[in-house]
Protein backbone atom coordinates (compact mmCIF):
# COMPACT_ATOMS: atom_id res chain seq x y z
CA UNK A 1 46.28 10.83 56.90
CA UNK A 2 45.64 7.25 55.95
CA UNK A 3 48.61 5.56 56.86
CA UNK A 4 47.76 2.96 54.59
CA UNK A 5 48.66 5.00 51.45
CA UNK A 6 52.05 7.47 50.68
CA UNK A 7 54.31 7.26 53.25
CA UNK A 8 54.02 10.20 56.17
CA UNK A 9 56.93 12.09 55.11
CA UNK A 10 54.83 13.20 52.35
CA UNK A 11 53.02 15.80 52.73
CA UNK A 12 48.83 15.60 52.36
CA UNK A 13 49.18 17.84 49.26
CA UNK A 14 51.96 16.45 48.09
CA UNK A 15 50.61 13.23 47.21
CA UNK A 16 46.93 12.72 47.68
CA UNK A 17 46.47 9.61 49.56
CA UNK A 18 43.01 9.07 48.07
CA UNK A 19 44.22 9.55 44.24
CA UNK A 20 44.47 5.92 42.66
CA UNK A 21 47.44 4.66 42.08
CA UNK A 22 49.73 5.58 38.92
CA UNK A 23 50.04 3.25 36.16
CA UNK A 24 53.08 3.22 34.12
CA UNK A 25 52.02 5.80 30.74
CA UNK A 26 54.02 7.20 28.06
CA UNK A 27 55.70 9.62 30.64
CA UNK A 28 57.10 6.92 32.38
CA UNK A 29 58.56 5.73 29.54
CA UNK A 30 60.00 9.08 27.66
CA UNK A 31 61.31 9.65 31.13
CA UNK A 32 63.13 6.27 31.24
CA UNK A 33 64.24 6.55 27.50
CA UNK A 34 65.96 9.64 28.14
CA UNK A 35 67.50 7.91 31.50
CA UNK A 36 68.97 5.24 29.01
CA UNK A 37 70.27 7.30 26.11
CA UNK A 38 71.96 9.77 29.10
CA UNK A 39 73.40 6.27 29.95
CA UNK A 40 74.66 5.44 26.34
CA UNK A 41 76.44 9.04 25.91
CA UNK A 42 78.29 8.56 29.16
CA UNK A 43 80.04 4.96 28.32
CA UNK A 44 79.96 7.05 24.20
CA UNK A 45 83.79 6.59 24.78
CA UNK A 46 84.34 3.40 25.65
CA UNK A 47 81.72 2.24 22.91
CA UNK A 48 83.65 3.68 19.87
CA UNK A 49 86.26 0.96 20.72
CA UNK A 50 84.91 -1.31 23.66
CA UNK A 51 87.60 -3.96 23.25
CA UNK A 52 90.35 -1.68 23.47
CA UNK A 53 89.46 1.41 25.64
CA UNK A 54 89.26 1.84 29.52
CA UNK A 55 88.75 4.93 31.95
CA UNK A 56 91.92 7.57 31.61
CA UNK A 57 91.37 8.57 35.17
CA UNK A 58 90.86 4.98 36.71
CA UNK A 59 92.57 2.24 34.31
CA UNK A 60 93.48 -0.31 36.83
CA UNK A 61 89.89 -0.06 38.30
CA UNK A 62 88.49 -0.38 35.13
CA UNK A 63 90.59 -3.68 34.84
CA UNK A 64 89.91 -4.67 37.89
CA UNK A 65 86.08 -4.87 37.55
CA UNK A 66 86.39 -6.26 34.14
CA UNK A 67 88.38 -8.72 36.09
CA UNK A 68 85.36 -9.36 38.61
CA UNK A 69 82.71 -9.74 35.85
CA UNK A 70 85.25 -12.75 34.35
CA UNK A 71 85.69 -14.03 38.05
CA UNK A 72 81.18 -14.18 38.16
CA UNK A 73 81.35 -16.04 35.36
CA UNK A 74 84.24 -18.03 35.80
CA UNK A 75 82.49 -18.92 39.45
CA UNK A 76 78.97 -20.04 37.89
CA UNK A 77 80.73 -22.06 34.90
CA UNK A 78 82.95 -23.62 37.32
CA UNK A 79 80.60 -23.92 40.17
CA UNK A 80 82.85 -22.51 42.49
CA UNK A 81 82.68 -20.43 46.01
CA UNK A 82 82.25 -16.83 44.92
CA UNK A 83 83.20 -15.89 47.62
CA UNK A 84 86.95 -16.44 47.39
CA UNK A 85 89.07 -16.92 44.71
CA UNK A 86 92.87 -18.52 43.94
CA UNK A 87 92.88 -16.73 39.97
CA UNK A 88 94.45 -13.96 41.42
CA UNK A 89 97.06 -13.63 44.22
CA UNK A 90 98.09 -17.25 43.55
CA UNK A 91 98.22 -19.22 46.07
CA UNK A 92 97.03 -17.37 48.36
CA UNK A 93 93.67 -15.98 47.03
CA UNK A 94 91.21 -13.13 47.11
CA UNK A 95 88.77 -12.66 49.96
CA UNK A 96 85.99 -11.73 47.31
CA UNK A 97 83.56 -10.19 49.87
CA UNK A 98 86.00 -8.00 51.98
CA UNK A 99 86.34 -6.37 48.54
CA UNK A 100 84.49 -4.55 45.97
CA UNK A 101 83.18 -7.37 44.36
CA UNK A 102 79.71 -6.56 43.19
CA UNK A 103 78.76 -10.43 43.19
CA UNK A 104 75.15 -9.29 43.08
CA UNK A 105 75.47 -8.39 39.28
CA UNK A 106 78.07 -10.49 38.35
CA UNK A 107 77.08 -13.19 38.92
CA UNK A 108 73.43 -12.94 36.89
CA UNK A 109 75.18 -11.24 34.26
CA UNK A 110 77.52 -14.09 33.76
CA UNK A 111 76.10 -15.33 30.13
CA UNK A 112 76.65 -11.80 28.65
CA UNK A 113 80.50 -11.80 29.94
CA UNK A 114 80.42 -15.25 28.30
CA UNK A 115 79.00 -14.48 25.08
CA UNK A 116 80.54 -11.17 24.90
CA UNK A 117 83.18 -10.41 26.68
CA UNK A 118 83.75 -8.40 30.09
CA UNK A 119 84.60 -5.16 28.08
CA UNK A 120 81.18 -5.33 26.48
CA UNK A 121 79.46 -6.21 29.81
CA UNK A 122 81.15 -3.56 31.77
CA UNK A 123 80.09 -0.79 29.16
CA UNK A 124 76.81 -2.25 29.08
CA UNK A 125 76.89 -2.43 33.02
CA UNK A 126 77.79 0.99 33.82
CA UNK A 127 75.20 2.91 31.48
CA UNK A 128 72.66 0.61 32.36
CA UNK A 129 73.42 0.98 36.62
CA UNK A 130 73.16 4.77 35.56
CA UNK A 131 69.97 4.57 33.89
CA UNK A 132 68.27 2.11 36.60
CA UNK A 133 69.20 3.95 39.19
CA UNK A 134 67.47 7.25 37.41
CA UNK A 135 64.61 5.04 36.82
CA UNK A 136 64.34 3.84 40.50
CA UNK A 137 64.68 7.33 41.54
CA UNK A 138 61.87 8.77 39.36
CA UNK A 139 59.49 5.53 40.42
CA UNK A 140 60.20 6.82 44.17
CA UNK A 141 59.41 10.65 43.58
CA UNK A 142 56.48 10.36 41.26
CA UNK A 143 54.93 7.57 43.16
CA UNK A 144 55.58 8.09 47.01
CA UNK A 145 56.39 11.84 46.78
CA UNK A 146 55.63 14.50 44.00
CA UNK A 147 52.58 14.43 41.55
CA UNK A 148 54.48 16.48 38.80
CA UNK A 149 56.30 13.78 36.54
CA UNK A 150 58.31 16.67 35.51
CA UNK A 151 59.41 17.42 38.47
CA UNK A 152 60.12 13.29 39.24
CA UNK A 153 62.12 13.54 36.16
CA UNK A 154 64.13 16.18 37.00
CA UNK A 155 64.81 15.06 40.64
CA UNK A 156 65.47 11.57 39.18
CA UNK A 157 68.00 12.85 36.59
CA UNK A 158 69.90 14.29 39.02
CA UNK A 159 70.18 11.31 41.43
CA UNK A 160 71.18 9.05 38.74
CA UNK A 161 73.59 10.99 36.61
CA UNK A 162 74.82 13.70 39.91
CA UNK A 163 78.18 14.91 39.09
CA UNK A 164 79.28 12.78 42.13
CA UNK A 165 77.75 9.51 40.67
CA UNK A 166 78.84 10.34 37.31
CA UNK A 167 82.93 10.91 39.16
CA UNK A 168 82.63 7.40 40.26
CA UNK A 169 81.55 5.98 36.90
CA UNK A 170 85.02 6.45 35.94
CA UNK A 171 86.01 3.02 37.13
CA UNK A 172 84.02 2.10 39.49
CA UNK A 173 80.39 1.18 38.74
CA UNK A 174 79.63 -0.77 41.76
CA UNK A 175 79.22 3.28 43.30
CA UNK A 176 76.69 3.95 40.13
CA UNK A 177 74.98 0.78 41.27
CA UNK A 178 72.21 2.41 43.27
CA UNK A 179 69.28 1.48 41.79
CA UNK A 180 68.00 -0.40 44.71
CA UNK A 181 68.28 2.29 47.22
CA UNK A 182 65.88 4.68 46.27
CA UNK A 183 63.20 1.28 46.68
CA UNK A 184 65.05 0.68 50.28
CA UNK A 185 64.10 4.41 51.36
CA UNK A 186 60.59 3.96 50.21
CA UNK A 187 59.95 0.61 51.53
CA UNK A 188 61.59 2.28 54.94
CA UNK A 189 59.60 5.27 54.95
CA UNK A 190 56.34 2.87 54.50
CA UNK A 191 57.04 0.65 57.05
CA UNK A 192 54.38 0.87 60.17
CA UNK A 193 51.20 0.49 57.78
CA UNK A 194 48.51 -1.65 59.79
CA UNK A 195 48.26 -5.02 59.09
CA UNK A 196 51.50 -5.44 56.66
CA UNK A 197 54.41 -5.39 58.97
CA UNK A 198 55.10 -8.75 57.83
CA UNK A 199 54.72 -8.13 54.35
CA UNK A 200 56.88 -5.00 54.20
CA UNK A 201 59.30 -6.47 56.65
CA UNK A 202 60.02 -9.26 54.12
CA UNK A 203 60.34 -7.10 51.57
CA UNK A 204 62.82 -4.76 53.05
CA UNK A 205 65.18 -7.68 54.21
CA UNK A 206 65.49 -9.26 50.78
CA UNK A 207 66.42 -5.72 49.06
CA UNK A 208 68.85 -5.44 51.97
CA UNK A 209 70.18 -8.40 51.59
CA UNK A 210 70.88 -8.45 48.13
CA UNK A 211 72.30 -4.77 48.45
CA UNK A 212 74.83 -6.12 50.57
CA UNK A 213 75.95 -8.08 47.12
CA UNK A 214 76.47 -4.95 45.17
CA UNK A 215 77.62 -2.22 47.56
CA UNK A 216 77.98 -2.06 51.16
CA UNK A 217 79.29 1.15 51.97
CA UNK A 218 76.44 2.79 49.81
CA UNK A 219 73.68 0.59 51.79
CA UNK A 220 75.69 1.67 55.14
CA UNK A 221 74.95 5.07 54.02
CA UNK A 222 71.50 4.63 52.75
CA UNK A 223 71.07 3.25 56.43
CA UNK A 224 72.54 6.22 58.19
CA UNK A 225 70.27 8.72 56.30
CA UNK A 226 67.34 6.95 56.90
CA UNK A 227 68.09 6.55 60.81
CA UNK A 228 68.45 10.72 60.51
CA UNK A 229 65.36 11.26 58.14
CA UNK A 230 63.21 8.73 60.69
CA UNK A 231 64.44 10.78 63.61
CA UNK A 232 63.81 14.05 62.12
CA UNK A 233 60.42 12.69 61.45
CA UNK A 234 60.07 11.73 65.01
CA UNK A 235 60.73 15.29 66.41
CA UNK A 236 58.43 16.97 64.25
CA UNK A 237 55.36 14.35 64.25
CA UNK A 238 55.87 12.96 67.62
CA UNK A 239 52.08 11.55 67.85
CA UNK A 240 52.04 10.22 64.17
CA UNK A 241 55.22 8.65 65.28
CA UNK A 242 54.34 6.80 68.48
CA UNK A 243 50.89 5.45 66.52
CA UNK A 244 53.45 4.24 63.78
CA UNK A 245 56.03 2.55 66.39
CA UNK A 246 54.52 -0.88 66.78
CA UNK A 247 54.13 -2.08 62.98
CA UNK A 248 57.43 0.16 62.33
CA UNK A 249 59.73 -1.68 64.69
CA UNK A 250 57.89 -5.09 63.86
CA UNK A 251 58.26 -5.02 60.67
CA UNK A 252 62.02 -3.43 60.81
CA UNK A 253 62.47 -6.80 63.39
CA UNK A 254 61.48 -8.90 60.58
CA UNK A 255 63.72 -7.07 58.01
CA UNK A 256 66.38 -7.28 59.73
CA UNK A 257 66.34 -10.29 60.79
CA UNK A 258 65.41 -11.89 57.30
CA UNK A 259 68.67 -9.59 55.77
CA UNK A 260 70.74 -11.45 58.54
CA UNK A 261 69.94 -14.56 58.42
CA UNK A 262 70.04 -14.48 54.22
CA UNK A 263 73.53 -12.55 54.13
CA UNK A 264 75.57 -13.99 57.48
CA UNK A 265 77.53 -16.67 55.96
CA UNK A 266 78.72 -14.16 53.28
CA UNK A 267 79.64 -11.49 56.19
CA UNK A 268 81.30 -13.92 58.56
CA UNK A 269 83.07 -15.25 55.58
CA UNK A 270 83.98 -11.39 55.04
CA UNK A 271 85.35 -10.68 58.32
CA UNK A 272 86.88 -13.96 59.30
CA UNK A 273 87.54 -16.12 55.71
CA UNK A 274 90.64 -16.74 54.54
CA UNK A 275 92.51 -13.44 53.48
CA UNK A 276 90.27 -11.00 55.69
CA UNK A 277 92.17 -8.06 57.35
CA UNK A 278 90.64 -5.30 59.69
CA UNK A 279 90.73 -1.98 58.66
CA UNK A 280 93.37 -0.74 56.18
CA UNK A 281 96.62 0.02 57.47
CA UNK A 282 96.98 3.70 59.00
CA UNK A 283 93.08 4.55 58.38
CA UNK A 284 94.20 6.52 55.32
CA UNK A 285 90.41 6.61 54.37
CA UNK A 286 89.90 8.55 57.09
CA UNK A 287 92.07 11.90 55.79
CA UNK A 288 89.39 11.88 52.76
CA UNK A 289 87.37 14.88 53.74
CA UNK A 290 85.48 17.28 51.71
CA UNK A 291 87.19 20.67 50.49
CA UNK A 292 84.30 23.17 51.06
CA UNK A 293 85.02 24.68 47.75
CA UNK A 294 83.94 21.34 45.91
CA UNK A 295 80.32 22.28 46.48
CA UNK A 296 80.04 25.32 44.63
CA UNK A 297 82.48 24.09 41.61
CA UNK A 298 81.66 22.65 38.65
CA UNK A 299 82.56 18.67 38.43
CA UNK A 300 85.48 17.65 36.01
CA UNK A 301 83.03 15.20 33.88
CA UNK A 302 80.21 17.90 33.39
CA UNK A 303 79.56 20.06 30.59
CA UNK A 304 80.51 23.25 32.93
CA UNK A 305 83.83 21.35 34.59
CA UNK A 306 87.32 22.75 34.12
CA UNK A 307 89.69 19.81 35.19
CA UNK A 308 92.35 22.05 35.49
CA UNK A 309 90.33 23.40 38.85
CA UNK A 310 90.26 19.68 39.76
CA UNK A 311 94.34 20.17 40.62
CA UNK A 312 93.93 22.65 42.95
CA UNK A 313 90.73 21.54 45.17
CA UNK A 314 90.44 17.81 43.86
CA UNK A 315 92.62 16.02 46.81
CA UNK A 316 89.43 13.43 47.23
CA UNK A 317 86.96 12.31 45.03
CA UNK A 318 84.48 14.68 42.97
CA UNK A 319 81.46 13.51 45.15
CA UNK A 320 80.31 16.82 45.88
CA UNK A 321 80.90 19.27 42.74
CA UNK A 322 77.62 20.88 42.51
CA UNK A 323 78.57 24.28 41.08
CA UNK A 324 77.17 27.54 42.85
CA UNK A 325 73.84 27.92 40.22
CA UNK A 326 72.75 24.43 42.11
CA UNK A 327 73.65 25.52 45.74
CA UNK A 328 71.43 28.73 45.40
CA UNK A 329 68.66 26.98 44.01
CA UNK A 330 68.62 24.41 47.13
CA UNK A 331 69.04 26.55 49.75
CA UNK A 332 66.04 28.95 48.04
CA UNK A 333 63.89 25.75 47.72
CA UNK A 334 64.55 25.01 51.16
CA UNK A 335 64.00 28.75 52.28
CA UNK A 336 60.55 28.43 50.39
CA UNK A 337 59.53 24.83 51.49
CA UNK A 338 60.86 24.56 54.99
CA UNK A 339 57.30 26.01 56.36
CA UNK A 340 55.26 24.27 53.74
CA UNK A 341 56.61 20.98 53.47
CA UNK A 342 57.64 18.12 56.00
CA UNK A 343 59.51 16.18 53.42
CA UNK A 344 61.43 19.31 52.33
CA UNK A 345 62.65 19.71 56.20
CA UNK A 346 63.63 16.06 56.38
CA UNK A 347 65.87 16.97 53.20
CA UNK A 348 67.31 19.91 55.17
CA UNK A 349 68.13 17.91 57.90
CA UNK A 350 70.06 15.69 55.84
CA UNK A 351 71.92 18.26 54.07
CA UNK A 352 73.56 19.76 57.48
CA UNK A 353 74.32 16.58 59.01
CA UNK A 354 75.54 15.00 56.08
CA UNK A 355 77.59 17.75 55.25
CA UNK A 356 78.94 18.57 58.53
CA UNK A 357 79.72 15.15 59.08
CA UNK A 358 81.85 15.08 55.37
CA UNK A 359 84.40 17.37 56.24
CA UNK A 360 86.51 15.01 57.41
CA UNK A 361 89.88 15.25 60.25
CA UNK A 362 90.83 18.53 59.24
CA UNK A 363 88.64 21.49 57.43
CA UNK A 364 89.70 21.94 53.66
CA UNK A 365 89.13 25.34 51.76
CA UNK A 366 90.49 25.42 48.12
CA UNK A 367 92.69 23.24 48.53
CA UNK A 368 94.47 24.21 51.49
CA UNK A 369 94.07 22.37 54.68
CA UNK A 370 93.05 24.36 57.58
CA UNK A 371 93.99 23.80 61.16
CA UNK A 372 90.87 23.85 62.25
CA UNK A 373 89.30 20.23 63.46
CA UNK A 374 86.66 18.42 61.65
CA UNK A 375 84.20 15.62 63.12
CA UNK A 376 86.57 12.55 61.74
CA UNK A 377 89.30 14.30 63.98
CA UNK A 378 87.46 12.40 66.74
CA UNK A 379 86.47 9.33 65.30
CA UNK A 380 88.89 6.27 65.86
CA UNK A 381 90.41 4.87 62.88
CA UNK A 382 89.08 1.16 63.95
CA UNK A 383 85.43 2.22 64.44
CA UNK A 384 83.90 -0.97 63.12
CA UNK A 385 81.62 -0.12 60.16
CA UNK A 386 82.97 3.01 59.55
CA UNK A 387 86.51 2.08 59.82
CA UNK A 388 86.49 1.36 55.41
CA UNK A 389 84.84 4.71 55.06
CA UNK A 390 86.35 8.08 53.36
CA UNK A 391 84.26 11.08 54.97
CA UNK A 392 84.06 12.83 51.48
CA UNK A 393 81.63 9.82 50.42
CA UNK A 394 79.09 10.85 53.02
CA UNK A 395 78.45 13.26 50.75
CA UNK A 396 76.72 11.09 48.40
CA UNK A 397 73.60 11.57 50.72
CA UNK A 398 73.95 15.11 50.37
CA UNK A 399 73.47 14.36 46.59
CA UNK A 400 70.33 12.33 47.35
CA UNK A 401 68.31 15.20 49.44
CA UNK A 402 69.53 17.59 46.93
CA UNK A 403 67.62 15.56 43.89
CA UNK A 404 64.35 15.10 46.49
CA UNK A 405 64.92 19.38 46.73
CA UNK A 406 65.02 19.69 43.05
CA UNK A 407 61.64 17.25 42.71
CA UNK A 408 59.50 19.41 46.04
CA UNK A 409 60.68 22.95 44.35
CA UNK A 410 59.54 21.63 40.85
CA UNK A 411 56.02 20.32 42.11
CA UNK A 412 55.47 23.25 43.98
CA UNK A 413 56.10 25.61 41.22
CA UNK A 414 53.67 22.83 38.76
CA UNK A 415 50.74 23.77 41.89
CA UNK A 416 50.76 20.03 43.26
CA UNK A 417 52.69 20.93 46.35
CA UNK A 418 51.64 23.98 48.45
CA UNK A 419 52.52 27.25 46.22
CA UNK A 420 55.28 28.88 47.10
CA UNK A 421 54.03 32.12 46.96
CA UNK A 422 51.33 31.89 49.53
CA UNK A 423 48.28 34.66 48.98
CA UNK A 424 47.52 37.61 50.70
CA UNK A 425 46.03 36.86 54.33
CA UNK A 426 43.12 39.56 54.06
CA UNK A 427 42.12 39.11 50.60
CA UNK A 428 42.68 35.47 49.99
CA UNK A 429 39.10 35.10 49.06
CA UNK A 430 37.86 37.70 47.72
CA UNK A 431 38.59 38.54 43.79
CA UNK A 432 41.31 40.92 44.11
CA UNK A 433 43.45 38.86 46.45
CA UNK A 434 42.71 35.65 43.81
CA UNK A 435 43.58 37.61 41.18
CA UNK A 436 47.03 39.08 42.72
CA UNK A 437 48.02 35.69 43.25
CA UNK A 438 47.28 34.41 39.97
CA UNK A 439 49.34 37.67 38.74
CA UNK A 440 52.25 36.98 41.00
CA UNK A 441 52.12 32.82 40.13
CA UNK A 442 52.41 33.74 36.39
CA UNK A 443 55.99 35.14 36.60
CA UNK A 444 56.94 33.15 39.58
CA UNK A 445 56.34 29.71 37.75
CA UNK A 446 58.49 30.24 34.17
CA UNK A 447 61.25 32.29 36.99
CA UNK A 448 61.42 29.55 39.14
CA UNK A 449 61.30 26.36 36.35
CA UNK A 450 64.49 28.67 34.77
CA UNK A 451 66.18 29.08 37.58
CA UNK A 452 66.13 24.84 38.26
CA UNK A 453 66.99 24.55 34.37
CA UNK A 454 70.16 27.24 34.40
CA UNK A 455 71.61 24.94 37.86
CA UNK A 456 71.49 22.23 36.52
CA UNK A 457 72.15 21.85 33.23
CA UNK A 458 75.92 22.77 34.04
CA UNK A 459 76.02 19.82 35.07
CA UNK A 460 74.85 17.72 31.84
CA UNK A 461 77.52 14.90 31.83
CA UNK A 462 80.14 14.70 29.18
CA UNK A 463 81.43 11.00 27.81
CA UNK A 464 84.08 9.52 30.16
CA UNK A 465 87.65 10.55 29.23
CA UNK A 466 88.88 6.53 27.70
CA UNK A 467 92.00 5.82 26.53
CA UNK A 468 93.54 3.10 24.47
CA UNK A 469 95.05 -0.16 26.15
CA UNK A 470 96.74 -3.40 24.14
CA UNK A 471 94.83 -6.47 23.94
CA UNK A 472 96.91 -9.52 25.73
CA UNK A 473 99.32 -10.83 23.53
CA UNK A 474 98.17 -13.88 20.77
CA UNK A 475 100.07 -16.37 23.18
CA UNK A 476 97.61 -15.73 25.63
CA UNK A 477 94.05 -15.03 23.89
CA UNK A 478 95.21 -17.91 21.48
CA UNK A 479 95.89 -20.34 24.30
CA UNK A 480 99.35 -20.97 23.40
CA UNK A 481 100.19 -20.89 26.64
CA UNK A 482 98.22 -24.16 27.39
CA UNK A 483 101.54 -26.49 26.87
CA UNK A 484 103.16 -24.84 29.61
CA UNK A 485 100.51 -24.43 32.46
CA UNK A 486 99.61 -27.73 33.55
CA UNK A 487 96.43 -27.64 36.40
CA UNK A 488 97.89 -26.23 40.18
CA UNK A 489 100.21 -24.33 38.56
CA UNK A 490 100.69 -20.71 37.19
CA UNK A 491 101.53 -18.30 34.42
CA UNK A 492 103.82 -15.57 35.85
CA UNK A 493 103.11 -12.62 33.56
CA UNK A 494 106.15 -10.00 33.77
CA UNK A 495 105.37 -7.29 34.95
CA UNK A 496 103.88 -9.23 37.77
CA UNK A 497 99.94 -7.59 38.47
CA UNK A 498 99.88 -4.97 41.11
CA UNK A 499 98.05 -1.92 42.18
CA UNK A 500 100.73 0.16 40.41
CA UNK A 501 101.97 -2.36 37.56
CA UNK A 502 99.02 -4.16 36.65
CA UNK A 503 97.08 -3.17 34.18
CA UNK A 504 98.14 -4.70 31.17
CA UNK A 505 98.83 -8.51 32.60
CA UNK A 506 95.80 -7.99 34.88
CA UNK A 507 93.39 -8.14 31.91
CA UNK A 508 95.81 -11.50 30.95
CA UNK A 509 93.52 -12.91 33.24
CA UNK A 510 90.34 -11.31 32.71
CA UNK A 511 90.04 -11.75 29.08
CA UNK A 512 90.51 -15.35 29.17
CA UNK A 513 87.99 -16.21 31.38
CA UNK A 514 90.54 -16.91 34.01
CA UNK A 515 91.53 -20.09 32.87
CA UNK A 516 95.32 -19.47 34.08
CA UNK A 517 95.91 -18.50 37.81
CA UNK A 518 98.24 -15.62 38.43
CA UNK A 519 100.32 -13.72 41.13
CA UNK A 520 100.04 -10.71 42.41
CA UNK A 521 96.82 -8.32 41.65
CA UNK A 522 94.94 -5.75 42.74
CA UNK A 523 93.20 -6.26 45.66
CA UNK A 524 92.93 -5.47 49.50
CA UNK A 525 94.06 -8.22 51.58
CA UNK A 526 96.19 -8.70 55.00
CA UNK A 527 99.70 -8.11 55.67
CA UNK A 528 101.77 -10.05 58.45
CA UNK A 529 99.76 -7.81 61.00
CA UNK A 530 96.16 -8.53 59.74
CA UNK A 531 95.72 -4.88 58.54
CA UNK A 532 93.94 -4.68 55.28
CA UNK A 533 96.79 -3.74 52.26
CA UNK A 534 96.54 -2.58 48.51
CA UNK A 535 97.94 -5.75 46.49
CA UNK A 536 100.16 -8.68 47.57
CA UNK A 537 103.30 -8.22 49.61
CA UNK A 538 106.07 -7.53 47.52
CA UNK A 539 108.45 -10.50 47.51
CA UNK A 540 112.25 -9.89 46.65
CA UNK A 541 111.63 -10.73 42.86
CA UNK A 542 108.49 -8.55 42.44
CA UNK A 543 110.11 -6.05 43.92
CA UNK A 544 113.37 -5.94 41.75
CA UNK A 545 111.15 -6.06 38.45
CA UNK A 546 109.19 -2.80 39.71
CA UNK A 547 112.47 -0.80 40.88
CA UNK A 548 114.01 -1.74 37.47
CA UNK A 549 111.35 -0.47 35.65
CA UNK A 550 111.55 2.82 37.64
CA UNK A 551 115.16 3.06 36.51
CA UNK A 552 115.15 1.67 33.37
CA UNK A 553 118.19 -0.39 33.71
CA UNK A 554 119.05 -3.51 35.30
CA UNK A 555 121.51 -3.90 38.52
CA UNK A 556 124.20 -5.91 38.90
CA UNK A 557 122.80 -9.05 39.56
CA UNK A 558 123.97 -11.43 42.47
CA UNK A 559 123.51 -14.99 43.01
CA UNK A 560 121.32 -14.16 45.97
CA UNK A 561 118.89 -12.56 43.31
CA UNK A 562 118.56 -15.56 41.23
CA UNK A 563 118.64 -17.97 44.33
CA UNK A 564 115.70 -15.73 45.68
CA UNK A 565 113.58 -15.78 41.77
CA UNK A 566 114.08 -19.39 42.02
CA UNK A 567 112.56 -19.33 46.05
CA UNK A 568 109.54 -16.89 44.62
CA UNK A 569 108.56 -18.88 41.68
CA UNK A 570 108.21 -22.10 43.99
CA UNK A 571 106.36 -20.20 46.25
CA UNK A 572 104.05 -18.70 43.41
CA UNK A 573 103.93 -22.10 42.07
CA UNK A 574 104.77 -20.89 38.71
CA UNK A 575 105.81 -23.18 35.53
CA UNK A 576 106.58 -20.71 32.96
CA UNK A 577 106.85 -16.70 33.37
CA UNK A 578 105.54 -14.55 30.12
CA UNK A 579 106.67 -11.24 28.83
CA UNK A 580 104.52 -9.61 26.10
CA UNK A 581 105.17 -6.29 24.27
CA UNK A 582 105.90 -3.76 27.25
CA UNK A 583 107.37 0.14 27.30
CA UNK A 584 110.23 -1.35 29.25
CA UNK A 585 110.27 -4.79 27.51
CA UNK A 586 114.17 -4.74 26.41
CA UNK A 587 114.54 -4.20 30.11
CA UNK A 588 112.60 -6.57 31.51
CA UNK A 589 114.00 -8.89 29.63
CA UNK A 590 117.08 -8.24 30.05
CA UNK A 591 116.29 -8.64 34.10
CA UNK A 592 114.56 -11.83 33.74
CA UNK A 593 117.36 -13.49 31.21
CA UNK A 594 119.95 -12.81 33.76
CA UNK A 595 117.79 -13.97 36.66
CA UNK A 596 116.36 -17.30 34.81
CA UNK A 597 118.78 -17.94 31.78
CA UNK A 598 118.13 -17.08 28.19
CA UNK A 599 114.35 -16.48 26.98
CA UNK A 600 112.42 -18.35 24.25
CA UNK A 601 110.64 -16.88 21.47
CA UNK A 602 107.16 -18.12 21.31
CA UNK A 603 104.58 -16.39 19.03
CA UNK A 604 104.24 -12.64 20.09
CA UNK A 605 106.27 -13.30 23.90
CA UNK A 606 109.24 -13.90 25.59
CA UNK A 607 108.78 -17.08 27.66
CA UNK A 608 110.73 -19.13 30.41
CA UNK A 609 109.49 -22.63 30.88
CA UNK A 610 110.88 -22.74 34.87
CA UNK A 611 109.37 -26.17 35.32
CA UNK A 612 113.18 -27.64 35.33
CA UNK A 613 113.87 -24.93 37.83
CA UNK A 614 111.21 -25.48 40.54
CA UNK A 615 110.13 -29.08 40.23
């Protein structure tokens, strides 16, 4: 094989090294157009009323990412360090590198956020990220792995819109922002080409550095997948691996060094900067293993999905949920292609390794946690790099491998790869043998195409479910707060934003361009032991507010409650407390009046000017 052309994970008959480089054509344009339409479809319920819609499954996550798009725009406008912000969790702030900040996209999209607001940016980016991931997957498959454009289209569509990916589109756009990953994988598999180790290493380093600012966890999963793939290649092609080892390692060293150079300070800031932390309290993510029944179950957000099933086994994220037809087709493709395709064998190794690894500390089956230990029972909770990982998310690598298998199977049926129906040995060269082989192909091809179609069509995504959410009060959006909040002071919304009660009031900050800082918020920060916890540590007044909301009645207030309220307002550097329309508005108004005295009615909010109290 010519080492300067297709990567050696591709069989000689799967992608002819001597054929001319493909240029974009009509088929490519149609594929990308179809992916864009799918992206619009998935986000359709948002576009119906983009100003008043958020994810009904993860509304707080949706609001958090709207807040992040505003953070990127604010950082650019004010030329502030985007790695940290004091506009949330005032006065302590939030370490943005230690959270899912998506800085690699929120900063470039700042002009869109300025012009149209974070709601439009969110919906536009979410659909675009899904389509872009499918498009780069199609490019990788059609240029480096298969000849069949239809096969590459099917594989790309699955990689961009797989059930596990669409599941994360419910409020977590960082996990659908995988458009660089197929390019990174292609670059890794091409390392070691003679005379190109510098250029290949530099390109890989730039891609890796940028991916760090999109999603570090998906980059880690990709690195683990590449490590397993390269190891599998070395075992199966030891001679070729030895020939390429020098150039491969040199290019890898250049790429790793460049990525580390570019990302050294942000990574240091993530683990050592203000509001950094070490692992999550109790290692809560490590218990999230994949239920074995999830592999053969249809996902909630697909045309064949049933939300009722989710209540049985959906205790974790829906990262597989392939449905039983796809599992059968993928296994059949793996068996038929095993001896004929190196790429298929490596995909099979990835499926096996990452399926087992995703089981978690205990094996789950049909919603029941068994007593059988899984692999994560032996993984320390504080192991560096993996301390924040959820075992179930390792199956996203399985999703990638299944997408590759679909493309390889379609390509083989189309006659570009090695046939899945070998000709009879004794008669391969005579007319009778050739006729028999052709007769077999006449029925195998349509049956194979139909099997793949019947496996993937039930996984066609439905529009993501959305719910109505009110805009902030007119007092907030029209700037009525400005006379009450001088520079260096905060506006305290009631209820104070948190990971449980933070949806309405966190959006006050997001939809006004972060013009005023707020206490509390939705983020991960350190507790007193330096462990990561969700949200700001509750102060006595915030705890009292949440307890009153839950009970629906105001408790008997004491002078100590009033003294603590003033102390908390001083800590938050508050100048005004604001209560807008809320299902618990009456009881919250009664509580705050008992703590701070009578409220003023200003525009459409209740307001307590606390500057005389806090000084």
